[in-house]
Amino acid sequence: MKEPSSPTDGSQSHAVVVTENAQDVVHVDLDRWGRLAEAVLRAEGESGELTLTFVDAADIIDLKIEHFGDAGEHPTDVLSFPLDVDVREGDDVPRLLGDVVICPEVADLQASTHAGTFEDEIALLVVHGILHILGFDHESDAERHEMQLREREHLINQFWHGEVPDGFNFDHRSEVRS
């Protein structure tokens, strides 16, 4: 998988999201998901560059193996790779936040029993992945509760612009087993 090219020159004071669709299994609207990612980053008060890449199941399994040593038997829905690059103010280097990688194929398979619709599932995965980039986690009950509250807030304000749809489930699934 090749890296998307950077549109920033290091002088940005806002969030920039670089999107790429590296799969052809499920249609994704890159503009829509890029706008959502930018809105979440703005709401979190973050500036810098984030990549949002959509990959197929084989690629996400390869990434799991490469970066997490996972056996990779089952594809996951989203992976986040925060970058710990310390850029000092005034540097002409873009602040690189990290990479969020989503597998729409997995999202499509789990949507009906999770978020309800494919669009709601992708929106949740975009928000979930970004929150991981920003340091949120769900290892403990308290962390999971805080992360789900933040996900709910962002989805209500940046995606639905209203209430949570009936049937939406915030319990994040990490793998699809066939």
Protein backbone atom coordinates (compact mmCIF):
# COMPACT_ATOMS: atom_id res chain seq x y z
CA MET A 1 0.00 0.00 0.00
CA LYS A 2 1.55 3.31 -1.02
CA GLU A 3 1.39 6.42 1.15
CA PRO A 4 -0.91 9.24 -0.04
CA SER A 5 0.97 12.44 -0.86
CA SER A 6 0.82 15.36 1.58
CA PRO A 7 -1.03 18.54 0.54
CA THR A 8 0.48 20.57 3.39
CA ASP A 9 3.62 22.65 3.50
CA GLY A 10 3.98 22.76 7.27
CA SER A 11 2.30 26.11 7.80
CA GLN A 12 -1.21 24.84 8.43
CA SER A 13 -3.05 25.95 11.56
CA HIS A 14 -5.99 23.65 10.89
CA ALA A 15 -6.63 19.99 10.37
CA VAL A 16 -5.98 18.49 6.96
CA VAL A 17 -7.18 15.00 6.12
CA VAL A 18 -5.66 13.13 3.19
CA THR A 19 -7.99 10.37 1.97
CA GLU A 20 -7.29 7.37 -0.20
CA ASN A 21 -9.40 4.46 -1.37
CA ALA A 22 -7.03 1.51 -1.82
CA GLN A 23 -9.81 -1.08 -2.25
CA ASP A 24 -12.56 -1.76 -4.75
CA VAL A 25 -14.80 -4.11 -2.77
CA VAL A 26 -17.22 -1.54 -1.30
CA HIS A 27 -17.94 1.97 -2.56
CA VAL A 28 -16.82 4.73 -0.17
CA ASP A 29 -17.39 8.47 -0.46
CA LEU A 30 -13.91 9.84 0.27
CA ASP A 31 -15.08 13.47 0.39
CA ARG A 32 -17.78 12.70 2.95
CA TRP A 33 -15.49 10.77 5.29
CA GLY A 34 -12.69 13.29 4.89
CA ARG A 35 -15.05 16.11 5.88
CA LEU A 36 -16.21 14.14 8.93
CA ALA A 37 -12.60 13.50 9.98
CA GLU A 38 -11.74 17.21 9.60
CA ALA A 39 -14.82 18.19 11.65
CA VAL A 40 -13.86 15.80 14.46
CA LEU A 41 -10.28 17.09 14.53
CA ARG A 42 -11.51 20.71 14.60
CA ALA A 43 -13.94 19.89 17.42
CA GLU A 44 -11.04 18.34 19.35
CA GLY A 45 -8.97 21.49 18.77
CA GLU A 46 -6.36 19.61 16.75
CA SER A 47 -4.33 20.89 13.84
CA GLY A 48 -2.06 18.91 11.60
CA GLU A 49 -2.34 16.20 8.98
CA LEU A 50 -4.12 12.87 9.24
CA THR A 51 -4.40 10.20 6.59
CA LEU A 52 -7.63 8.23 6.24
CA THR A 53 -7.21 5.17 4.04
CA PHE A 54 -9.75 2.52 3.06
CA VAL A 55 -8.32 -0.94 2.37
CA ASP A 56 -9.57 -4.44 1.63
CA ALA A 57 -9.61 -7.34 4.10
CA ALA A 58 -6.31 -8.82 2.88
CA ASP A 59 -4.50 -5.49 3.36
CA ILE A 60 -5.86 -4.92 6.87
CA ILE A 61 -4.81 -8.45 7.86
CA ASP A 62 -1.31 -7.72 6.51
CA LEU A 63 -1.18 -4.48 8.54
CA LYS A 64 -2.27 -6.33 11.70
CA ILE A 65 0.52 -8.86 11.23
CA GLU A 66 3.15 -6.25 10.35
CA HIS A 67 2.40 -3.79 13.16
CA PHE A 68 0.85 -5.83 15.94
CA GLY A 69 2.28 -9.30 15.42
CA ASP A 70 -1.29 -10.57 15.23
CA ALA A 71 -1.84 -13.95 13.65
CA GLY A 72 -4.09 -12.10 11.24
CA GLU A 73 -6.64 -14.83 10.79
CA HIS A 74 -9.56 -12.40 10.75
CA PRO A 75 -9.79 -8.91 9.32
CA THR A 76 -10.44 -6.01 11.67
CA ASP A 77 -12.53 -2.94 10.90
CA VAL A 78 -10.16 -0.10 11.84
CA LEU A 79 -6.52 0.37 12.78
CA SER A 80 -4.96 3.58 14.08
CA PHE A 81 -1.32 4.51 13.86
CA PRO A 82 -0.59 7.65 15.89
CA LEU A 83 2.66 9.40 15.07
CA ASP A 84 4.78 10.59 17.94
CA VAL A 85 6.49 13.30 15.94
CA ASP A 86 7.31 16.32 18.06
CA VAL A 87 7.23 19.37 15.82
CA ARG A 88 8.13 22.68 17.42
CA GLU A 89 6.03 25.74 16.69
CA GLY A 90 7.50 27.77 13.88
CA ASP A 91 8.93 24.71 12.12
CA ASP A 92 7.95 24.55 8.46
CA VAL A 93 7.10 20.88 8.82
CA PRO A 94 3.49 19.68 8.95
CA ARG A 95 2.40 18.20 12.26
CA LEU A 96 1.64 14.61 11.35
CA LEU A 97 -1.11 13.23 13.56
CA GLY A 98 -1.17 9.69 12.20
CA ASP A 99 -2.96 7.24 9.96
CA VAL A 100 -6.43 5.74 10.30
CA VAL A 101 -7.01 2.65 8.15
CA ILE A 102 -10.56 1.34 7.69
CA CYS A 103 -11.76 -1.83 6.01
CA PRO A 104 -15.19 -1.08 4.44
CA GLU A 105 -15.64 -4.77 3.68
CA VAL A 106 -15.63 -5.57 7.42
CA ALA A 107 -17.76 -2.49 8.18
CA ASP A 108 -20.35 -3.68 5.67
CA LEU A 109 -20.45 -7.17 7.21
CA GLN A 110 -20.94 -5.95 10.78
CA ALA A 111 -23.09 -2.85 10.20
CA SER A 112 -26.49 -4.49 10.55
CA THR A 113 -25.69 -5.92 14.00
CA HIS A 114 -23.63 -2.97 15.19
CA ALA A 115 -24.29 0.57 13.99
CA GLY A 116 -27.35 -0.31 11.94
CA THR A 117 -26.33 1.08 8.55
CA PHE A 118 -23.12 1.01 6.53
CA GLU A 119 -22.87 4.82 6.68
CA ASP A 120 -23.28 4.88 10.47
CA GLU A 121 -20.69 2.11 10.81
CA ILE A 122 -18.12 3.96 8.69
CA ALA A 123 -18.83 7.19 10.60
CA LEU A 124 -18.26 5.39 13.91
CA LEU A 125 -15.02 3.85 12.62
CA VAL A 126 -13.73 7.24 11.41
CA VAL A 127 -14.44 8.82 14.81
CA HIS A 128 -13.17 5.79 16.73
CA GLY A 129 -9.92 5.71 14.75
CA ILE A 130 -9.31 9.43 15.22
CA LEU A 131 -9.90 9.21 18.95
CA HIS A 132 -7.24 6.48 19.12
CA ILE A 133 -4.87 8.80 17.23
CA LEU A 134 -5.56 11.47 19.88
CA GLY A 135 -4.75 9.11 22.73
CA PHE A 136 -8.14 7.69 23.73
CA ASP A 137 -8.40 3.98 24.45
CA HIS A 138 -10.90 1.39 25.68
CA GLU A 139 -8.79 -1.05 27.67
CA SER A 140 -10.58 -0.38 30.98
CA ASP A 141 -14.29 0.17 31.61
CA ALA A 142 -13.63 3.82 32.52
CA GLU A 143 -11.62 4.41 29.31
CA ARG A 144 -14.27 2.67 27.21
CA HIS A 145 -17.00 4.79 28.82
CA GLU A 146 -15.08 8.03 28.14
CA MET A 147 -14.32 7.02 24.54
CA GLN A 148 -17.94 6.06 23.84
CA LEU A 149 -19.16 9.38 25.27
CA ARG A 150 -16.75 11.22 22.97
CA GLU A 151 -17.82 9.08 19.99
CA ARG A 152 -21.48 9.83 20.73
CA GLU A 153 -20.76 13.56 21.02
CA HIS A 154 -18.91 13.69 17.70
CA LEU A 155 -21.45 11.57 15.82
CA ILE A 156 -24.36 13.67 17.13
CA ASN A 157 -22.65 16.99 16.38
CA GLN A 158 -20.54 16.26 13.29
CA PHE A 159 -22.42 13.46 11.51
CA TRP A 160 -26.09 13.05 12.41
CA HIS A 161 -26.63 16.67 13.52
CA GLY A 162 -29.22 15.28 15.89
CA GLU A 163 -30.11 12.30 18.02
CA VAL A 164 -28.60 8.83 17.94
CA PRO A 165 -30.61 6.63 15.54
CA ASP A 166 -32.63 3.76 16.98
CA GLY A 167 -30.68 0.54 16.96
CA PHE A 168 -27.24 2.16 17.01
CA ASN A 169 -24.79 0.24 19.22
CA PHE A 170 -21.64 1.92 20.53
CA ASP A 171 -19.99 -1.33 21.58
CA HIS A 172 -17.13 -1.44 19.10
CA ARG A 173 -16.34 -4.76 17.46
CA SER A 174 -12.76 -5.33 16.42
CA GLU A 175 -12.88 -8.38 14.18
CA VAL A 176 -15.21 -10.27 11.93
CA ARG A 177 -15.01 -14.02 12.15
CA SER A 178 -16.31 -15.98 9.23
